Amino acid sequence: GKKGKDTMSAVEDTTAEIIPPPNTTTNNATATTTATPFLVSLLAGGVAGTTVDVALFPIDTVKTRLQSPQGFWNAGGFRGIYRGLGAAA
């Protein structure tokens, strides 16, 4: 009941004091928030997009071959599942 609610709010208050928000530096009495540089965000997005393409491209190729009217093995089976990745990435 009431005891559990009070305990939870006490834990949340303590956590907020211990862990500062992201991108925040604390300098004694002042806290400043710094923005992530555009180039860093751009590169991070590019790396993330490429990683997703490399990881999911073969899965999509297998799915497409499974749906083929020719059948999975006649459509190529597992051969060349990375063929065409360069154009997609």
N, C-alpha and C. Protein backbone atom coordinates (compact mmCIF):
# COMPACT_ATOMS: atom_id res chain seq x y z
N GLY A 1 0.79 -1.16 0.00
CA GLY A 1 0.00 0.00 0.00
C GLY A 1 0.85 1.24 0.00
N LYS A 2 0.64 2.02 1.03
CA LYS A 2 1.28 3.34 1.09
C LYS A 2 2.79 3.23 1.31
N LYS A 3 3.22 2.23 2.10
CA LYS A 3 4.64 2.08 2.37
C LYS A 3 5.43 1.81 1.08
N GLY A 4 4.90 0.98 0.19
CA GLY A 4 5.58 0.68 -1.06
C GLY A 4 5.73 1.91 -1.94
N LYS A 5 4.71 2.75 -1.97
CA LYS A 5 4.76 3.96 -2.78
C LYS A 5 5.83 4.91 -2.26
N ASP A 6 5.91 5.08 -0.94
CA ASP A 6 6.91 5.97 -0.35
C ASP A 6 8.32 5.44 -0.61
N THR A 7 8.50 4.15 -0.51
CA THR A 7 9.81 3.54 -0.75
C THR A 7 10.25 3.76 -2.20
N MET A 8 9.33 3.61 -3.14
CA MET A 8 9.65 3.77 -4.55
C MET A 8 10.05 5.21 -4.86
N SER A 9 9.32 6.17 -4.31
CA SER A 9 9.66 7.56 -4.58
C SER A 9 11.02 7.91 -3.97
N ALA A 10 11.35 7.31 -2.83
CA ALA A 10 12.65 7.55 -2.22
C ALA A 10 13.77 6.99 -3.11
N VAL A 11 13.54 5.84 -3.72
CA VAL A 11 14.53 5.24 -4.61
C VAL A 11 14.70 6.10 -5.86
N GLU A 12 13.60 6.59 -6.43
CA GLU A 12 13.68 7.45 -7.61
C GLU A 12 14.42 8.74 -7.29
N ASP A 13 14.17 9.35 -6.13
CA ASP A 13 14.86 10.58 -5.75
C ASP A 13 16.36 10.33 -5.62
N THR A 14 16.76 9.22 -5.01
CA THR A 14 18.16 8.90 -4.83
C THR A 14 18.83 8.65 -6.18
N THR A 15 18.15 7.93 -7.08
CA THR A 15 18.70 7.64 -8.39
C THR A 15 18.92 8.92 -9.18
N ALA A 16 17.99 9.84 -9.11
CA ALA A 16 18.12 11.11 -9.83
C ALA A 16 19.33 11.90 -9.36
N GLU A 17 19.67 11.79 -8.08
CA GLU A 17 20.82 12.52 -7.55
C GLU A 17 22.14 11.85 -7.96
N ILE A 18 22.15 10.53 -8.08
CA ILE A 18 23.38 9.80 -8.37
C ILE A 18 23.72 9.84 -9.86
N ILE A 19 22.75 9.63 -10.73
CA ILE A 19 22.99 9.52 -12.16
C ILE A 19 22.59 10.82 -12.85
N PRO A 20 23.56 11.56 -13.40
CA PRO A 20 23.21 12.80 -14.10
C PRO A 20 22.57 12.49 -15.45
N PRO A 21 21.78 13.42 -16.00
CA PRO A 21 21.20 13.20 -17.32
C PRO A 21 22.30 13.08 -18.37
N PRO A 22 22.01 12.41 -19.52
CA PRO A 22 23.03 12.27 -20.55
C PRO A 22 23.47 13.63 -21.10
N ASN A 23 24.71 13.68 -21.59
CA ASN A 23 25.30 14.90 -22.16
C ASN A 23 25.34 16.06 -21.17
N THR A 24 25.48 15.76 -19.90
CA THR A 24 25.52 16.81 -18.89
C THR A 24 26.82 16.69 -18.11
N THR A 25 27.50 17.79 -17.94
CA THR A 25 28.69 17.81 -17.11
C THR A 25 28.39 18.66 -15.89
N THR A 26 28.78 18.17 -14.74
CA THR A 26 28.51 18.89 -13.50
C THR A 26 29.79 19.56 -13.03
N ASN A 27 29.74 20.85 -12.83
CA ASN A 27 30.88 21.62 -12.35
C ASN A 27 30.47 22.29 -11.05
N ASN A 28 30.70 21.60 -9.95
CA ASN A 28 30.31 22.06 -8.62
C ASN A 28 28.85 22.50 -8.59
N ALA A 29 28.55 23.78 -8.69
CA ALA A 29 27.19 24.26 -8.53
C ALA A 29 26.44 24.42 -9.85
N THR A 30 27.13 24.32 -10.99
CA THR A 30 26.46 24.54 -12.27
C THR A 30 26.47 23.26 -13.10
N ALA A 31 25.42 23.07 -13.89
CA ALA A 31 25.33 21.94 -14.81
C ALA A 31 25.08 22.50 -16.20
N THR A 32 25.89 22.05 -17.16
CA THR A 32 25.72 22.52 -18.53
C THR A 32 25.44 21.33 -19.44
N THR A 33 24.61 21.54 -20.43
CA THR A 33 24.31 20.50 -21.40
C THR A 33 25.04 20.82 -22.70
N THR A 34 25.75 19.82 -23.23
CA THR A 34 26.48 20.03 -24.48
C THR A 34 25.78 19.27 -25.59
N ALA A 35 25.72 19.87 -26.77
CA ALA A 35 25.09 19.24 -27.92
C ALA A 35 26.09 18.30 -28.59
N THR A 36 25.57 17.22 -29.16
CA THR A 36 26.41 16.30 -29.92
C THR A 36 26.74 16.96 -31.25
N PRO A 37 28.02 16.99 -31.63
CA PRO A 37 28.40 17.61 -32.91
C PRO A 37 27.71 16.91 -34.09
N PHE A 38 27.37 17.69 -35.11
CA PHE A 38 26.65 17.17 -36.27
C PHE A 38 27.41 16.03 -36.94
N LEU A 39 28.72 16.18 -37.11
CA LEU A 39 29.51 15.16 -37.79
C LEU A 39 29.47 13.83 -37.03
N VAL A 40 29.50 13.89 -35.71
CA VAL A 40 29.44 12.66 -34.90
C VAL A 40 28.09 11.97 -35.11
N SER A 41 27.01 12.75 -35.11
CA SER A 41 25.68 12.18 -35.34
C SER A 41 25.57 11.59 -36.74
N LEU A 42 26.13 12.29 -37.71
CA LEU A 42 26.09 11.83 -39.09
C LEU A 42 26.83 10.50 -39.24
N LEU A 43 28.01 10.41 -38.69
CA LEU A 43 28.80 9.17 -38.78
C LEU A 43 28.13 8.03 -38.01
N ALA A 44 27.57 8.33 -36.84
CA ALA A 44 26.89 7.29 -36.05
C ALA A 44 25.68 6.75 -36.81
N GLY A 45 24.93 7.63 -37.46
CA GLY A 45 23.79 7.19 -38.25
C GLY A 45 24.21 6.35 -39.44
N GLY A 46 25.30 6.74 -40.09
CA GLY A 46 25.81 5.97 -41.22
C GLY A 46 26.27 4.58 -40.82
N VAL A 47 26.99 4.50 -39.72
CA VAL A 47 27.46 3.20 -39.23
C VAL A 47 26.28 2.33 -38.81
N ALA A 48 25.30 2.92 -38.15
CA ALA A 48 24.12 2.15 -37.73
C ALA A 48 23.34 1.63 -38.93
N GLY A 49 23.16 2.47 -39.94
CA GLY A 49 22.44 2.05 -41.14
C GLY A 49 23.16 0.94 -41.88
N THR A 50 24.46 1.05 -42.01
CA THR A 50 25.25 0.02 -42.69
C THR A 50 25.20 -1.29 -41.91
N THR A 51 25.28 -1.20 -40.59
CA THR A 51 25.23 -2.41 -39.76
C THR A 51 23.90 -3.13 -39.93
N VAL A 52 22.82 -2.38 -39.95
CA VAL A 52 21.49 -2.99 -40.14
C VAL A 52 21.40 -3.64 -41.51
N ASP A 53 21.90 -2.97 -42.55
CA ASP A 53 21.85 -3.54 -43.89
C ASP A 53 22.63 -4.85 -43.97
N VAL A 54 23.83 -4.86 -43.41
CA VAL A 54 24.67 -6.06 -43.46
C VAL A 54 24.03 -7.21 -42.68
N ALA A 55 23.40 -6.88 -41.56
CA ALA A 55 22.80 -7.92 -40.72
C ALA A 55 21.49 -8.46 -41.31
N LEU A 56 20.67 -7.60 -41.90
CA LEU A 56 19.34 -8.03 -42.32
C LEU A 56 19.22 -8.37 -43.81
N PHE A 57 20.16 -7.96 -44.62
CA PHE A 57 20.09 -8.22 -46.06
C PHE A 57 19.98 -9.71 -46.38
N PRO A 58 20.82 -10.57 -45.79
CA PRO A 58 20.70 -12.00 -46.12
C PRO A 58 19.37 -12.60 -45.65
N ILE A 59 18.84 -12.10 -44.55
CA ILE A 59 17.54 -12.61 -44.06
C ILE A 59 16.45 -12.25 -45.06
N ASP A 60 16.49 -11.03 -45.59
CA ASP A 60 15.50 -10.61 -46.57
C ASP A 60 15.64 -11.41 -47.87
N THR A 61 16.87 -11.70 -48.26
CA THR A 61 17.10 -12.50 -49.47
C THR A 61 16.53 -13.90 -49.30
N VAL A 62 16.76 -14.52 -48.16
CA VAL A 62 16.22 -15.86 -47.91
C VAL A 62 14.69 -15.81 -47.91
N LYS A 63 14.10 -14.78 -47.29
CA LYS A 63 12.64 -14.64 -47.26
C LYS A 63 12.08 -14.54 -48.68
N THR A 64 12.73 -13.74 -49.51
CA THR A 64 12.28 -13.57 -50.89
C THR A 64 12.37 -14.88 -51.65
N ARG A 65 13.43 -15.62 -51.44
CA ARG A 65 13.59 -16.91 -52.13
C ARG A 65 12.59 -17.94 -51.62
N LEU A 66 12.23 -17.87 -50.36
CA LEU A 66 11.21 -18.78 -49.82
C LEU A 66 9.85 -18.51 -50.46
N GLN A 67 9.59 -17.25 -50.83
CA GLN A 67 8.32 -16.88 -51.44
C GLN A 67 8.30 -17.06 -52.95
N SER A 68 9.41 -17.46 -53.52
CA SER A 68 9.53 -17.58 -54.97
C SER A 68 8.63 -18.71 -55.50
N PRO A 69 7.96 -18.48 -56.65
CA PRO A 69 7.15 -19.55 -57.25
C PRO A 69 8.01 -20.73 -57.72
N GLN A 70 9.30 -20.49 -57.98
CA GLN A 70 10.21 -21.56 -58.42
C GLN A 70 10.56 -22.50 -57.27
N GLY A 71 10.40 -22.05 -56.06
CA GLY A 71 10.84 -22.82 -54.90
C GLY A 71 12.17 -22.29 -54.41
N PHE A 72 12.47 -22.55 -53.19
CA PHE A 72 13.66 -22.00 -52.54
C PHE A 72 14.95 -22.43 -53.23
N TRP A 73 15.10 -23.72 -53.47
CA TRP A 73 16.36 -24.22 -54.02
C TRP A 73 16.55 -23.80 -55.48
N ASN A 74 15.49 -23.78 -56.27
CA ASN A 74 15.62 -23.35 -57.67
C ASN A 74 15.86 -21.85 -57.78
N ALA A 75 15.43 -21.09 -56.80
CA ALA A 75 15.66 -19.64 -56.80
C ALA A 75 17.06 -19.28 -56.34
N GLY A 76 17.83 -20.27 -55.91
CA GLY A 76 19.21 -20.01 -55.52
C GLY A 76 19.60 -20.56 -54.17
N GLY A 77 18.63 -20.97 -53.36
CA GLY A 77 18.94 -21.52 -52.05
C GLY A 77 19.73 -20.52 -51.22
N PHE A 78 20.78 -21.02 -50.61
CA PHE A 78 21.63 -20.16 -49.77
C PHE A 78 22.82 -19.57 -50.53
N ARG A 79 22.94 -19.90 -51.81
CA ARG A 79 24.06 -19.38 -52.60
C ARG A 79 23.89 -17.89 -52.85
N GLY A 80 24.93 -17.13 -52.63
CA GLY A 80 24.94 -15.71 -52.96
C GLY A 80 23.96 -14.86 -52.19
N ILE A 81 23.72 -15.18 -50.92
CA ILE A 81 22.74 -14.40 -50.18
C ILE A 81 23.22 -12.97 -49.89
N TYR A 82 24.52 -12.73 -50.04
CA TYR A 82 25.04 -11.37 -49.89
C TYR A 82 25.20 -10.65 -51.23
N ARG A 83 24.90 -11.31 -52.35
CA ARG A 83 25.01 -10.70 -53.66
C ARG A 83 24.05 -9.53 -53.75
N GLY A 84 24.56 -8.36 -54.11
CA GLY A 84 23.74 -7.15 -54.19
C GLY A 84 23.78 -6.29 -52.94
N LEU A 85 24.51 -6.73 -51.91
CA LEU A 85 24.59 -5.97 -50.66
C LEU A 85 25.20 -4.60 -50.88
N GLY A 86 26.21 -4.50 -51.73
CA GLY A 86 26.85 -3.20 -51.96
C GLY A 86 25.89 -2.14 -52.47
N ALA A 87 24.96 -2.54 -53.33
CA ALA A 87 23.99 -1.58 -53.84
C ALA A 87 22.99 -1.18 -52.78
N ALA A 88 22.65 -2.09 -51.89
CA ALA A 88 21.68 -1.79 -50.84
C ALA A 88 22.29 -0.95 -49.73
N ALA A 89 23.54 -1.24 -49.40
CA ALA A 89 24.20 -0.51 -48.32
C ALA A 89 24.73 0.79 -48.85
